[in-house]
């Protein structure tokens, strides 16, 4: 049995504080409609990230066999994720930029008494110089877009019959054209989010 070092009061004060809210929650205070909408966006982000992390972690642990790339091996999963975004029940293009990443963090305005003791704290949104991944909606969509582009380049390099179980160029061309449309739609969604700065 080992003795764990005790945490001093000063160390406890310096530890990052966990909150049940973020800077956007603060920004939307009093706007019930947008608060409800943002709650749904956060739930969507969590569901998307759960699926994306499966592929991200698989890529991190991927060991190529016979020259195969991760995009080649995971092609069905990559295409399925892209199609669920472009043709699913959710219109991702309506997600705003500040909902899809973290543009500000929570900071605290402290009021002190004459002796310098903190007697009150008020949270506020502190804008980042550069956006962070945050809930990873934008980061995950950009990752899927990158993977899908890699699959498309492989198809071009290996010929139209590459994805057909019978090596049929006609079948392969149909898959190529469908993926090309999906890639274009996904790219449009990503660009729409980046340019949607409305509040």
C-alpha atoms as a PDB file:
ATOM      1  CA  UNK A   1       0.000   0.000   0.000  1.00  0.00           C
ATOM      2  CA  UNK A   2       1.402   3.385  -1.015  1.00  0.00           C
ATOM      3  CA  UNK A   3       0.885   6.710   0.667  1.00  0.00           C
ATOM      4  CA  UNK A   4      -0.727   9.254  -1.612  1.00  0.00           C
ATOM      5  CA  UNK A   5       0.473  12.852  -1.211  1.00  0.00           C
ATOM      6  CA  UNK A   6      -2.056  15.124   0.427  1.00  0.00           C
ATOM      7  CA  UNK A   7      -3.497  17.945  -1.648  1.00  0.00           C
ATOM      8  CA  UNK A   8      -2.822  21.304  -0.063  1.00  0.00           C
ATOM      9  CA  UNK A   9      -5.401  24.063   0.115  1.00  0.00           C
ATOM     10  CA  UNK A  10      -3.347  26.172  -2.292  1.00  0.00           C
ATOM     11  CA  UNK A  11      -3.218  23.342  -4.857  1.00  0.00           C
ATOM     12  CA  UNK A  12      -6.961  22.895  -4.587  1.00  0.00           C
ATOM     13  CA  UNK A  13      -7.487  26.586  -5.354  1.00  0.00           C
ATOM     14  CA  UNK A  14      -5.287  26.305  -8.451  1.00  0.00           C
ATOM     15  CA  UNK A  15      -7.079  23.279  -9.901  1.00  0.00           C
ATOM     16  CA  UNK A  16      -9.323  23.996 -12.911  1.00  0.00           C
ATOM     17  CA  UNK A  17     -12.939  24.356 -11.845  1.00  0.00           C
ATOM     18  CA  UNK A  18     -15.475  22.091 -13.483  1.00  0.00           C
ATOM     19  CA  UNK A  19     -18.722  23.642 -14.637  1.00  0.00           C
ATOM     20  CA  UNK A  20     -22.047  22.297 -15.829  1.00  0.00           C
ATOM     21  CA  UNK A  21     -22.187  25.182 -18.329  1.00  0.00           C
ATOM     22  CA  UNK A  22     -19.969  26.705 -20.995  1.00  0.00           C
ATOM     23  CA  UNK A  23     -19.448  30.162 -22.490  1.00  0.00           C
ATOM     24  CA  UNK A  24     -22.305  29.706 -24.965  1.00  0.00           C
ATOM     25  CA  UNK A  25     -24.685  28.886 -22.124  1.00  0.00           C
ATOM     26  CA  UNK A  26     -23.710  32.211 -20.557  1.00  0.00           C
ATOM     27  CA  UNK A  27     -24.166  34.033 -23.855  1.00  0.00           C
ATOM     28  CA  UNK A  28     -27.661  32.578 -24.305  1.00  0.00           C
ATOM     29  CA  UNK A  29     -28.857  33.392 -20.792  1.00  0.00           C
ATOM     30  CA  UNK A  30     -32.439  34.639 -20.982  1.00  0.00           C
ATOM     31  CA  UNK A  31     -32.971  33.344 -24.550  1.00  0.00           C
ATOM     32  CA  UNK A  32     -35.028  30.219 -23.898  1.00  0.00           C
ATOM     33  CA  UNK A  33     -35.457  29.237 -27.565  1.00  0.00           C
ATOM     34  CA  UNK A  34     -31.724  29.309 -28.253  1.00  0.00           C
ATOM     35  CA  UNK A  35     -30.931  27.575 -24.963  1.00  0.00           C
ATOM     36  CA  UNK A  36     -33.125  24.647 -25.984  1.00  0.00           C
ATOM     37  CA  UNK A  37     -31.597  24.606 -29.461  1.00  0.00           C
ATOM     38  CA  UNK A  38     -28.055  24.620 -28.061  1.00  0.00           C
ATOM     39  CA  UNK A  39     -28.910  21.740 -25.716  1.00  0.00           C
ATOM     40  CA  UNK A  40     -29.931  19.721 -28.768  1.00  0.00           C
ATOM     41  CA  UNK A  41     -26.730  20.738 -30.596  1.00  0.00           C
ATOM     42  CA  UNK A  42     -24.645  19.492 -27.646  1.00  0.00           C
ATOM     43  CA  UNK A  43     -26.502  16.165 -27.666  1.00  0.00           C
ATOM     44  CA  UNK A  44     -25.915  15.883 -31.422  1.00  0.00           C
ATOM     45  CA  UNK A  45     -22.225  16.672 -30.926  1.00  0.00           C
ATOM     46  CA  UNK A  46     -21.887  13.959 -28.288  1.00  0.00           C
ATOM     47  CA  UNK A  47     -23.538  11.339 -30.514  1.00  0.00           C
ATOM     48  CA  UNK A  48     -21.369  12.280 -33.510  1.00  0.00           C
ATOM     49  CA  UNK A  49     -18.175  12.282 -31.457  1.00  0.00           C
ATOM     50  CA  UNK A  50     -18.965   8.862 -29.987  1.00  0.00           C
ATOM     51  CA  UNK A  51     -19.043   7.339 -33.481  1.00  0.00           C
ATOM     52  CA  UNK A  52     -16.143   9.394 -34.820  1.00  0.00           C
ATOM     53  CA  UNK A  53     -13.893   8.413 -31.921  1.00  0.00           C
ATOM     54  CA  UNK A  54     -14.287   4.750 -32.859  1.00  0.00           C
ATOM     55  CA  UNK A  55     -12.673   5.468 -36.230  1.00  0.00           C
ATOM     56  CA  UNK A  56     -10.149   7.957 -34.836  1.00  0.00           C
ATOM     57  CA  UNK A  57      -8.908   5.464 -32.257  1.00  0.00           C
ATOM     58  CA  UNK A  58      -8.898   2.692 -34.854  1.00  0.00           C
ATOM     59  CA  UNK A  59      -6.682   4.824 -37.088  1.00  0.00           C
ATOM     60  CA  UNK A  60      -4.314   5.547 -34.205  1.00  0.00           C
ATOM     61  CA  UNK A  61      -3.863   1.820 -33.603  1.00  0.00           C
ATOM     62  CA  UNK A  62      -3.828   0.875 -37.287  1.00  0.00           C
ATOM     63  CA  UNK A  63      -0.905  -1.195 -38.558  1.00  0.00           C
ATOM     64  CA  UNK A  64      -0.783  -1.377 -42.371  1.00  0.00           C
ATOM     65  CA  UNK A  65      -0.837  -4.810 -43.977  1.00  0.00           C
ATOM     66  CA  UNK A  66       0.263  -5.373 -47.575  1.00  0.00           C
ATOM     67  CA  UNK A  67       0.456  -1.640 -48.217  1.00  0.00           C
ATOM     68  CA  UNK A  68      -3.179  -0.965 -47.323  1.00  0.00           C
ATOM     69  CA  UNK A  69      -4.028   2.441 -45.873  1.00  0.00           C
ATOM     70  CA  UNK A  70      -6.499   3.074 -43.066  1.00  0.00           C
ATOM     71  CA  UNK A  71      -8.890   4.803 -45.475  1.00  0.00           C
ATOM     72  CA  UNK A  72      -8.883   1.715 -47.681  1.00  0.00           C
ATOM     73  CA  UNK A  73      -9.561  -0.726 -44.842  1.00  0.00           C
ATOM     74  CA  UNK A  74     -12.194   1.451 -43.163  1.00  0.00           C
ATOM     75  CA  UNK A  75     -13.891   2.558 -46.401  1.00  0.00           C
ATOM     76  CA  UNK A  76     -17.382   1.155 -45.558  1.00  0.00           C
ATOM     77  CA  UNK A  77     -17.398   2.811 -42.134  1.00  0.00           C
ATOM     78  CA  UNK A  78     -16.080   6.129 -43.506  1.00  0.00           C
ATOM     79  CA  UNK A  79     -18.665   6.218 -46.292  1.00  0.00           C
ATOM     80  CA  UNK A  80     -21.465   5.289 -43.887  1.00  0.00           C
ATOM     81  CA  UNK A  81     -20.535   8.096 -41.497  1.00  0.00           C
ATOM     82  CA  UNK A  82     -20.343  10.622 -44.323  1.00  0.00           C
ATOM     83  CA  UNK A  83     -23.725   9.513 -45.700  1.00  0.00           C
ATOM     84  CA  UNK A  84     -25.337   9.735 -42.257  1.00  0.00           C
ATOM     85  CA  UNK A  85     -24.285  13.396 -42.146  1.00  0.00           C
ATOM     86  CA  UNK A  86     -25.219  14.345 -45.720  1.00  0.00           C
ATOM     87  CA  UNK A  87     -28.406  12.291 -46.062  1.00  0.00           C
ATOM     88  CA  UNK A  88     -29.544  11.804 -42.469  1.00  0.00           C
ATOM     89  CA  UNK A  89     -32.414  13.428 -40.585  1.00  0.00           C
ATOM     90  CA  UNK A  90     -30.279  16.334 -39.282  1.00  0.00           C
ATOM     91  CA  UNK A  91     -29.365  19.366 -41.397  1.00  0.00           C
ATOM     92  CA  UNK A  92     -25.819  19.977 -40.163  1.00  0.00           C
ATOM     93  CA  UNK A  93     -25.468  23.025 -42.415  1.00  0.00           C
ATOM     94  CA  UNK A  94     -27.718  24.956 -40.007  1.00  0.00           C
ATOM     95  CA  UNK A  95     -25.276  24.499 -37.117  1.00  0.00           C
ATOM     96  CA  UNK A  96     -23.526  27.788 -36.424  1.00  0.00           C
ATOM     97  CA  UNK A  97     -19.750  28.104 -36.150  1.00  0.00           C
ATOM     98  CA  UNK A  98     -19.794  29.022 -32.454  1.00  0.00           C
ATOM     99  CA  UNK A  99     -21.995  25.967 -31.798  1.00  0.00           C
ATOM    100  CA  UNK A 100     -19.623  23.599 -33.633  1.00  0.00           C
ATOM    101  CA  UNK A 101     -16.384  24.504 -31.850  1.00  0.00           C
ATOM    102  CA  UNK A 102     -15.237  26.470 -28.809  1.00  0.00           C
ATOM    103  CA  UNK A 103     -14.780  30.176 -29.501  1.00  0.00           C
ATOM    104  CA  UNK A 104     -14.718  31.245 -25.844  1.00  0.00           C
ATOM    105  CA  UNK A 105     -14.125  29.781 -22.407  1.00  0.00           C
ATOM    106  CA  UNK A 106     -15.583  30.493 -18.984  1.00  0.00           C
ATOM    107  CA  UNK A 107     -13.663  33.006 -16.898  1.00  0.00           C
ATOM    108  CA  UNK A 108     -14.522  34.529 -13.535  1.00  0.00           C
ATOM    109  CA  UNK A 109     -14.791  38.119 -12.384  1.00  0.00           C
ATOM    110  CA  UNK A 110     -13.963  38.156  -8.684  1.00  0.00           C
ATOM    111  CA  UNK A 111     -14.931  40.791  -6.151  1.00  0.00           C
ATOM    112  CA  UNK A 112     -12.844  41.088  -2.977  1.00  0.00           C
ATOM    113  CA  UNK A 113     -13.225  42.733   0.380  1.00  0.00           C
ATOM    114  CA  UNK A 114     -10.781  45.203   1.941  1.00  0.00           C
ATOM    115  CA  UNK A 115      -8.586  42.340   3.160  1.00  0.00           C
ATOM    116  CA  UNK A 116      -8.292  40.827  -0.305  1.00  0.00           C
ATOM    117  CA  UNK A 117     -10.596  37.873   0.353  1.00  0.00           C
ATOM    118  CA  UNK A 118     -12.840  36.770  -2.495  1.00  0.00           C
ATOM    119  CA  UNK A 119     -16.437  37.496  -1.541  1.00  0.00           C
ATOM    120  CA  UNK A 120     -18.111  37.026  -4.893  1.00  0.00           C
ATOM    121  CA  UNK A 121     -17.518  35.483  -8.302  1.00  0.00           C
ATOM    122  CA  UNK A 122     -19.351  36.100 -11.566  1.00  0.00           C
ATOM    123  CA  UNK A 123     -18.731  33.964 -14.675  1.00  0.00           C
ATOM    124  CA  UNK A 124     -18.320  35.521 -18.110  1.00  0.00           C
ATOM    125  CA  UNK A 125     -17.317  34.407 -21.604  1.00  0.00           C
ATOM    126  CA  UNK A 126     -13.639  34.939 -22.393  1.00  0.00           C
ATOM    127  CA  UNK A 127     -13.086  34.858 -26.171  1.00  0.00           C
ATOM    128  CA  UNK A 128     -10.229  32.669 -27.462  1.00  0.00           C
ATOM    129  CA  UNK A 129      -7.673  34.141 -29.860  1.00  0.00           C
ATOM    130  CA  UNK A 130      -8.068  30.966 -31.941  1.00  0.00           C
ATOM    131  CA  UNK A 131     -11.112  28.634 -31.785  1.00  0.00           C
ATOM    132  CA  UNK A 132     -10.614  25.282 -30.036  1.00  0.00           C
ATOM    133  CA  UNK A 133     -12.220  21.948 -30.917  1.00  0.00           C
ATOM    134  CA  UNK A 134     -14.810  22.174 -28.156  1.00  0.00           C
ATOM    135  CA  UNK A 135     -17.653  19.716 -28.779  1.00  0.00           C
ATOM    136  CA  UNK A 136     -15.831  18.551 -31.955  1.00  0.00           C
ATOM    137  CA  UNK A 137     -18.741  18.873 -34.405  1.00  0.00           C
ATOM    138  CA  UNK A 138     -16.609  20.819 -36.862  1.00  0.00           C
ATOM    139  CA  UNK A 139     -13.439  18.853 -36.123  1.00  0.00           C
ATOM    140  CA  UNK A 140     -15.177  15.509 -36.673  1.00  0.00           C
ATOM    141  CA  UNK A 141     -16.870  16.618 -39.896  1.00  0.00           C
ATOM    142  CA  UNK A 142     -13.543  17.863 -41.242  1.00  0.00           C
ATOM    143  CA  UNK A 143     -11.940  14.530 -40.318  1.00  0.00           C
ATOM    144  CA  UNK A 144     -14.646  12.529 -42.110  1.00  0.00           C
ATOM    145  CA  UNK A 145     -14.270  14.825 -45.131  1.00  0.00           C
ATOM    146  CA  UNK A 146     -10.514  14.166 -45.167  1.00  0.00           C
ATOM    147  CA  UNK A 147     -10.976  10.397 -44.927  1.00  0.00           C
ATOM    148  CA  UNK A 148     -13.600  10.403 -47.682  1.00  0.00           C
ATOM    149  CA  UNK A 149     -11.246  12.372 -49.923  1.00  0.00           C
ATOM    150  CA  UNK A 150      -8.517   9.788 -49.336  1.00  0.00           C
ATOM    151  CA  UNK A 151     -10.889   6.963 -50.303  1.00  0.00           C
ATOM    152  CA  UNK A 152     -11.830   8.855 -53.473  1.00  0.00           C
ATOM    153  CA  UNK A 153      -8.189   9.322 -54.480  1.00  0.00           C
ATOM    154  CA  UNK A 154      -7.562   5.611 -53.934  1.00  0.00           C
ATOM    155  CA  UNK A 155     -10.493   4.799 -56.204  1.00  0.00           C
ATOM    156  CA  UNK A 156      -9.085   7.047 -58.916  1.00  0.00           C
ATOM    157  CA  UNK A 157      -5.637   5.504 -58.584  1.00  0.00           C
ATOM    158  CA  UNK A 158      -6.862   1.888 -58.565  1.00  0.00           C
ATOM    159  CA  UNK A 159      -9.377   2.177 -61.395  1.00  0.00           C
ATOM    160  CA  UNK A 160     -13.167   2.180 -61.533  1.00  0.00           C
ATOM    161  CA  UNK A 161     -13.487  -1.559 -60.912  1.00  0.00           C
ATOM    162  CA  UNK A 162     -11.637  -1.280 -57.582  1.00  0.00           C
ATOM    163  CA  UNK A 163     -14.664  -1.341 -55.244  1.00  0.00           C
ATOM    164  CA  UNK A 164     -16.701  -3.834 -57.264  1.00  0.00           C
ATOM    165  CA  UNK A 165     -16.607  -7.409 -55.897  1.00  0.00           C
ATOM    166  CA  UNK A 166     -16.506  -8.553 -59.540  1.00  0.00           C
ATOM    167  CA  UNK A 167     -14.039  -5.901 -60.726  1.00  0.00           C
ATOM    168  CA  UNK A 168     -16.811  -4.392 -62.845  1.00  0.00           C
ATOM    169  CA  UNK A 169     -15.961  -0.839 -64.007  1.00  0.00           C
ATOM    170  CA  UNK A 170     -19.660   0.062 -64.351  1.00  0.00           C
ATOM    171  CA  UNK A 171     -20.431  -0.851 -60.730  1.00  0.00           C
ATOM    172  CA  UNK A 172     -17.294   0.906 -59.573  1.00  0.00           C
ATOM    173  CA  UNK A 173     -18.109   4.064 -61.527  1.00  0.00           C
ATOM    174  CA  UNK A 174     -21.537   4.267 -59.907  1.00  0.00           C
ATOM    175  CA  UNK A 175     -19.941   3.999 -56.463  1.00  0.00           C
ATOM    176  CA  UNK A 176     -17.383   6.616 -57.478  1.00  0.00           C
ATOM    177  CA  UNK A 177     -20.031   9.068 -58.655  1.00  0.00           C
ATOM    178  CA  UNK A 178     -22.170   8.538 -55.533  1.00  0.00           C
ATOM    179  CA  UNK A 179     -19.158   9.153 -53.304  1.00  0.00           C
ATOM    180  CA  UNK A 180     -18.196  12.224 -55.294  1.00  0.00           C
ATOM    181  CA  UNK A 181     -21.649  13.703 -54.684  1.00  0.00           C
ATOM    182  CA  UNK A 182     -21.434  12.820 -50.989  1.00  0.00           C
ATOM    183  CA  UNK A 183     -17.991  14.430 -50.716  1.00  0.00           C
ATOM    184  CA  UNK A 184     -19.259  17.608 -52.378  1.00  0.00           C
ATOM    185  CA  UNK A 185     -22.277  17.772 -50.065  1.00  0.00           C
ATOM    186  CA  UNK A 186     -20.136  17.190 -46.982  1.00  0.00           C
ATOM    187  CA  UNK A 187     -17.700  19.890 -48.068  1.00  0.00           C
ATOM    188  CA  UNK A 188     -20.620  22.284 -48.538  1.00  0.00           C
ATOM    189  CA  UNK A 189     -21.836  21.497 -45.008  1.00  0.00           C
ATOM    190  CA  UNK A 190     -18.395  22.137 -43.497  1.00  0.00           C
ATOM    191  CA  UNK A 191     -18.058  25.446 -45.335  1.00  0.00           C
ATOM    192  CA  UNK A 192     -21.608  26.446 -44.338  1.00  0.00           C
ATOM    193  CA  UNK A 193     -20.785  25.907 -40.649  1.00  0.00           C
ATOM    194  CA  UNK A 194     -17.545  27.898 -40.921  1.00  0.00           C
ATOM    195  CA  UNK A 195     -19.356  30.814 -42.529  1.00  0.00           C
ATOM    196  CA  UNK A 196     -22.455  30.736 -40.297  1.00  0.00           C
ATOM    197  CA  UNK A 197     -21.508  33.317 -37.671  1.00  0.00           C
ATOM    198  CA  UNK A 198     -25.060  34.487 -36.984  1.00  0.00           C
ATOM    199  CA  UNK A 199     -26.208  34.740 -33.407  1.00  0.00           C
END
